Structures are given as structure tokens and as C-alpha cells.
């Protein structure tokens, strides 16, 4: 299953340490009593995808100053959205910290 995530760009496929880190994070999340471990229903998943697409299509409407901080060694999240935010937001006062 982890290889499937690597193929669609959710995690880096070239770093073995990244896959190990992902396994550790997964175990940590599954052990967390405050997290939801049930199955995500299709309509809910669809709503999450639609929301993400809507937000990404409207980045040019952001006019408020912001600071975007990302981890450059993150194995779970694809950080390309941060570059899109910096490139497309209309605010003058913006900063990206890696």
C-alpha cells in the first residue's frame, strides 16, 4: 500500500527512510485515542477533494499577509501547494520558510 502512495506522489518513492518514517507515523496515528480510525465514507472523501480543489482554484483571492512554513523532509504531505500559494496569492506581504 505504501508503494501505491509513492506512485501518486503523496510520499517520496526514492527515500527508504521516508517509507520507514511513514510506517512509524501510521502506527503513532493508529495508537492515538483522539484520532478517528474508521473508514471514510465516499461522500465525505468527495467533499474533502472538492474543497481542496476549490481552495486551490481561488488562491489568487488571498489578500491578507501570511507566513507559510513547511517541512522540507515531510514524507506524508506533498508541499507543492505551498509554492502555488506563494506564487498565486495577491498579497504583497508573504513569506515562505522551509
N, C-alpha and C. Protein backbone atom coordinates (compact mmCIF):
# COMPACT_ATOMS: atom_id res chain seq x y z
N UNK A 1 0.82 -1.19 0.00
CA UNK A 1 0.00 0.00 0.00
C UNK A 1 0.87 1.26 0.00
N UNK A 2 1.97 1.26 0.73
CA UNK A 2 2.85 2.43 0.77
C UNK A 2 3.40 2.72 -0.62
N UNK A 3 3.68 1.66 -1.40
CA UNK A 3 4.16 1.88 -2.76
C UNK A 3 3.10 2.59 -3.59
N UNK A 4 1.82 2.30 -3.35
CA UNK A 4 0.75 2.98 -4.07
C UNK A 4 0.78 4.47 -3.80
N UNK A 5 0.99 4.84 -2.53
CA UNK A 5 1.07 6.26 -2.19
C UNK A 5 2.26 6.92 -2.88
N UNK A 6 3.37 6.20 -2.96
CA UNK A 6 4.54 6.76 -3.62
C UNK A 6 4.28 7.01 -5.09
N UNK A 7 3.52 6.13 -5.73
CA UNK A 7 3.24 6.28 -7.16
C UNK A 7 2.37 7.49 -7.45
N UNK A 8 1.49 7.87 -6.55
CA UNK A 8 0.64 9.02 -6.83
C UNK A 8 1.19 10.31 -6.23
N UNK A 9 2.40 10.27 -5.70
CA UNK A 9 3.06 11.49 -5.27
C UNK A 9 2.75 11.95 -3.86
N UNK A 10 2.12 11.09 -3.05
CA UNK A 10 1.85 11.50 -1.68
C UNK A 10 3.12 11.42 -0.85
N UNK A 11 3.95 10.42 -1.13
CA UNK A 11 5.24 10.33 -0.45
C UNK A 11 6.33 10.16 -1.49
N UNK A 12 7.52 10.47 -1.09
CA UNK A 12 8.66 10.29 -1.98
C UNK A 12 8.96 8.81 -2.12
N UNK A 13 9.17 8.36 -3.35
CA UNK A 13 9.44 6.95 -3.57
C UNK A 13 10.92 6.63 -3.51
N UNK A 14 11.77 7.64 -3.50
CA UNK A 14 13.20 7.40 -3.59
C UNK A 14 13.94 7.34 -2.27
N UNK A 15 13.25 7.53 -1.17
CA UNK A 15 13.93 7.58 0.11
C UNK A 15 13.40 6.50 1.03
N UNK A 16 14.24 5.49 1.32
CA UNK A 16 13.82 4.41 2.20
C UNK A 16 13.50 4.92 3.60
N UNK A 17 14.24 5.92 4.06
CA UNK A 17 13.97 6.49 5.37
C UNK A 17 12.59 7.11 5.43
N UNK A 18 12.14 7.61 4.33
CA UNK A 18 10.82 8.21 4.27
C UNK A 18 9.74 7.16 4.46
N UNK A 19 9.90 6.01 3.84
CA UNK A 19 8.92 4.93 3.99
C UNK A 19 8.91 4.44 5.43
N UNK A 20 10.08 4.33 6.04
CA UNK A 20 10.16 3.92 7.44
C UNK A 20 9.48 4.95 8.32
N UNK A 21 9.72 6.22 8.06
CA UNK A 21 9.09 7.28 8.83
C UNK A 21 7.57 7.24 8.67
N UNK A 22 7.10 6.96 7.46
CA UNK A 22 5.67 6.87 7.22
C UNK A 22 5.06 5.74 8.03
N UNK A 23 5.73 4.61 8.09
CA UNK A 23 5.23 3.47 8.88
C UNK A 23 5.15 3.83 10.36
N UNK A 24 6.16 4.53 10.86
CA UNK A 24 6.16 4.95 12.26
C UNK A 24 5.03 5.94 12.53
N UNK A 25 4.84 6.89 11.63
CA UNK A 25 3.76 7.88 11.79
C UNK A 25 2.40 7.20 11.75
N UNK A 26 2.23 6.22 10.87
CA UNK A 26 0.97 5.49 10.76
C UNK A 26 0.67 4.77 12.08
N UNK A 27 1.68 4.10 12.63
CA UNK A 27 1.49 3.39 13.90
C UNK A 27 1.16 4.36 15.02
N UNK A 28 1.82 5.50 15.03
CA UNK A 28 1.56 6.52 16.04
C UNK A 28 0.13 7.05 15.92
N UNK A 29 -0.32 7.31 14.71
CA UNK A 29 -1.68 7.82 14.49
C UNK A 29 -2.72 6.78 14.89
N UNK A 30 -2.47 5.51 14.58
CA UNK A 30 -3.43 4.46 14.91
C UNK A 30 -3.53 4.24 16.42
N UNK A 31 -2.46 4.54 17.14
CA UNK A 31 -2.46 4.38 18.60
C UNK A 31 -3.07 5.58 19.32
N UNK A 32 -3.22 6.70 18.63
CA UNK A 32 -3.76 7.90 19.24
C UNK A 32 -5.25 7.73 19.53
N UNK A 33 -5.63 7.83 20.79
CA UNK A 33 -7.02 7.62 21.19
C UNK A 33 -7.95 8.75 20.72
N UNK A 34 -7.39 9.89 20.38
CA UNK A 34 -8.21 11.02 19.94
C UNK A 34 -8.43 11.05 18.43
N UNK A 35 -7.75 10.18 17.70
CA UNK A 35 -7.91 10.20 16.24
C UNK A 35 -8.99 9.22 15.79
N UNK A 36 -9.56 9.51 14.65
CA UNK A 36 -10.60 8.65 14.08
C UNK A 36 -9.94 7.62 13.18
N UNK A 37 -10.20 6.35 13.45
CA UNK A 37 -9.59 5.28 12.69
C UNK A 37 -10.58 4.52 11.82
N UNK A 38 -11.80 5.00 11.73
CA UNK A 38 -12.81 4.32 10.93
C UNK A 38 -12.63 4.58 9.44
N UNK A 39 -13.49 4.00 8.66
CA UNK A 39 -13.43 4.20 7.21
C UNK A 39 -14.07 5.54 6.85
N UNK A 40 -13.48 6.21 5.90
CA UNK A 40 -14.00 7.47 5.41
C UNK A 40 -15.07 7.17 4.36
N UNK A 41 -16.24 7.70 4.56
CA UNK A 41 -17.32 7.45 3.61
C UNK A 41 -17.07 8.20 2.31
N UNK A 42 -17.53 7.62 1.22
CA UNK A 42 -17.28 8.19 -0.11
C UNK A 42 -17.76 9.64 -0.24
N UNK A 43 -18.98 9.99 0.22
CA UNK A 43 -19.39 11.39 0.09
C UNK A 43 -18.50 12.35 0.88
N UNK A 44 -18.02 11.91 2.04
CA UNK A 44 -17.13 12.76 2.84
C UNK A 44 -15.80 12.94 2.14
N UNK A 45 -15.26 11.85 1.60
CA UNK A 45 -14.00 11.93 0.86
C UNK A 45 -14.15 12.85 -0.35
N UNK A 46 -15.27 12.72 -1.05
CA UNK A 46 -15.53 13.57 -2.21
C UNK A 46 -15.61 15.03 -1.81
N UNK A 47 -16.26 15.32 -0.68
CA UNK A 47 -16.35 16.70 -0.20
C UNK A 47 -14.97 17.26 0.12
N UNK A 48 -14.11 16.45 0.71
CA UNK A 48 -12.74 16.90 1.02
C UNK A 48 -11.97 17.22 -0.25
N UNK A 49 -12.12 16.38 -1.26
CA UNK A 49 -11.43 16.61 -2.53
C UNK A 49 -11.96 17.87 -3.20
N UNK A 50 -13.28 18.04 -3.21
CA UNK A 50 -13.88 19.23 -3.83
C UNK A 50 -13.45 20.50 -3.11
N UNK A 51 -13.41 20.46 -1.78
CA UNK A 51 -12.96 21.62 -1.01
C UNK A 51 -11.52 21.97 -1.35
N UNK A 52 -10.67 20.97 -1.41
CA UNK A 52 -9.27 21.19 -1.76
C UNK A 52 -9.14 21.82 -3.14
N UNK A 53 -9.87 21.31 -4.09
CA UNK A 53 -9.82 21.86 -5.46
C UNK A 53 -10.34 23.30 -5.48
N UNK A 54 -11.40 23.56 -4.74
CA UNK A 54 -11.96 24.91 -4.70
C UNK A 54 -10.97 25.89 -4.10
N UNK A 55 -10.35 25.51 -3.01
CA UNK A 55 -9.38 26.39 -2.36
C UNK A 55 -8.20 26.65 -3.30
N UNK A 56 -7.70 25.60 -3.94
CA UNK A 56 -6.56 25.76 -4.85
C UNK A 56 -6.90 26.65 -6.04
N UNK A 57 -8.13 26.61 -6.49
CA UNK A 57 -8.52 27.44 -7.64
C UNK A 57 -8.74 28.89 -7.25
N UNK A 58 -8.78 29.19 -5.95
CA UNK A 58 -9.08 30.54 -5.50
C UNK A 58 -7.92 31.19 -4.74
N UNK A 59 -6.72 30.67 -4.89
CA UNK A 59 -5.57 31.22 -4.17
C UNK A 59 -5.33 32.69 -4.52
N UNK A 60 -5.66 33.09 -5.73
CA UNK A 60 -5.45 34.48 -6.15
C UNK A 60 -6.35 35.45 -5.40
N UNK A 61 -7.32 34.94 -4.64
CA UNK A 61 -8.22 35.81 -3.87
C UNK A 61 -7.67 36.12 -2.48
N UNK A 62 -6.50 35.60 -2.14
CA UNK A 62 -5.92 35.83 -0.82
C UNK A 62 -5.18 37.16 -0.84
N UNK A 63 -5.65 38.10 0.00
CA UNK A 63 -5.06 39.44 0.06
C UNK A 63 -4.44 39.74 1.41
N UNK A 64 -4.62 38.88 2.39
CA UNK A 64 -4.10 39.14 3.73
C UNK A 64 -2.66 38.64 3.84
N UNK A 65 -1.82 39.32 4.60
CA UNK A 65 -0.45 38.84 4.79
C UNK A 65 -0.44 37.46 5.44
N UNK A 66 0.56 36.65 5.08
CA UNK A 66 0.66 35.32 5.68
C UNK A 66 2.10 34.85 5.69
N UNK A 67 2.37 33.90 6.56
CA UNK A 67 3.65 33.21 6.64
C UNK A 67 3.36 31.74 6.40
N UNK A 68 4.01 31.15 5.44
CA UNK A 68 3.81 29.74 5.11
C UNK A 68 5.08 28.98 5.50
N UNK A 69 4.96 28.10 6.48
CA UNK A 69 6.09 27.30 6.95
C UNK A 69 5.88 25.84 6.57
N UNK A 70 6.87 25.25 5.92
CA UNK A 70 6.76 23.85 5.53
C UNK A 70 8.02 23.10 5.95
N UNK A 71 7.83 21.81 6.16
CA UNK A 71 8.97 20.93 6.45
C UNK A 71 9.48 20.34 5.15
N UNK A 72 10.74 20.52 4.88
CA UNK A 72 11.28 20.05 3.60
C UNK A 72 11.51 18.55 3.58
N UNK A 73 11.49 17.89 4.72
CA UNK A 73 11.69 16.44 4.76
C UNK A 73 10.41 15.70 5.06
N UNK A 74 9.29 16.35 4.83
CA UNK A 74 8.00 15.73 5.09
C UNK A 74 7.77 14.60 4.10
N UNK A 75 7.44 13.43 4.61
CA UNK A 75 7.22 12.25 3.76
C UNK A 75 5.75 12.03 3.45
N UNK A 76 4.88 12.63 4.20
CA UNK A 76 3.46 12.33 4.08
C UNK A 76 2.74 13.34 3.21
N UNK A 77 3.10 14.60 3.32
CA UNK A 77 2.38 15.67 2.63
C UNK A 77 3.19 16.18 1.45
N UNK A 78 2.53 16.33 0.32
CA UNK A 78 3.14 16.93 -0.85
C UNK A 78 3.07 18.45 -0.66
N UNK A 79 4.21 19.10 -0.57
CA UNK A 79 4.27 20.53 -0.26
C UNK A 79 4.20 21.43 -1.48
N UNK A 80 3.89 20.91 -2.64
CA UNK A 80 3.85 21.76 -3.84
C UNK A 80 2.75 22.81 -3.74
N UNK A 81 1.73 22.57 -2.94
CA UNK A 81 0.67 23.55 -2.75
C UNK A 81 1.18 24.84 -2.13
N UNK A 82 2.22 24.74 -1.29
CA UNK A 82 2.80 25.94 -0.68
C UNK A 82 3.40 26.84 -1.75
N UNK A 83 4.07 26.25 -2.73
CA UNK A 83 4.64 27.05 -3.82
C UNK A 83 3.53 27.70 -4.64
N UNK A 84 2.44 26.98 -4.86
CA UNK A 84 1.29 27.55 -5.57
C UNK A 84 0.71 28.72 -4.79
N UNK A 85 0.60 28.57 -3.48
CA UNK A 85 0.08 29.65 -2.64
C UNK A 85 0.96 30.89 -2.75
N UNK A 86 2.25 30.72 -2.61
CA UNK A 86 3.18 31.86 -2.69
C UNK A 86 3.11 32.52 -4.07
N UNK A 87 3.05 31.71 -5.10
CA UNK A 87 3.04 32.23 -6.47
C UNK A 87 1.73 32.94 -6.82
N UNK A 88 0.60 32.44 -6.33
CA UNK A 88 -0.70 32.93 -6.79
C UNK A 88 -1.40 33.92 -5.87
N UNK A 89 -1.05 33.97 -4.61
CA UNK A 89 -1.72 34.90 -3.69
C UNK A 89 -1.41 36.33 -4.10
N UNK A 90 -2.39 37.21 -3.95
CA UNK A 90 -2.24 38.60 -4.38
C UNK A 90 -1.69 39.50 -3.29
N UNK A 91 -1.48 38.98 -2.10
CA UNK A 91 -0.94 39.80 -1.03
C UNK A 91 0.52 40.18 -1.33
N UNK A 92 0.91 41.34 -0.90
CA UNK A 92 2.28 41.81 -1.09
C UNK A 92 3.18 41.24 0.00
N UNK A 93 2.63 41.13 1.22
CA UNK A 93 3.41 40.69 2.38
C UNK A 93 3.23 39.18 2.57
N UNK A 94 4.13 38.41 2.00
CA UNK A 94 4.07 36.95 2.12
C UNK A 94 5.49 36.41 2.23
N UNK A 95 5.60 35.28 2.89
CA UNK A 95 6.91 34.70 3.10
C UNK A 95 6.79 33.19 3.19
N UNK A 96 7.77 32.50 2.61
CA UNK A 96 7.84 31.05 2.67
C UNK A 96 9.08 30.67 3.45
N UNK A 97 8.92 29.90 4.50
CA UNK A 97 10.04 29.41 5.30
C UNK A 97 10.11 27.90 5.15
N UNK A 98 11.25 27.39 4.75
CA UNK A 98 11.45 25.94 4.62
C UNK A 98 12.41 25.46 5.67
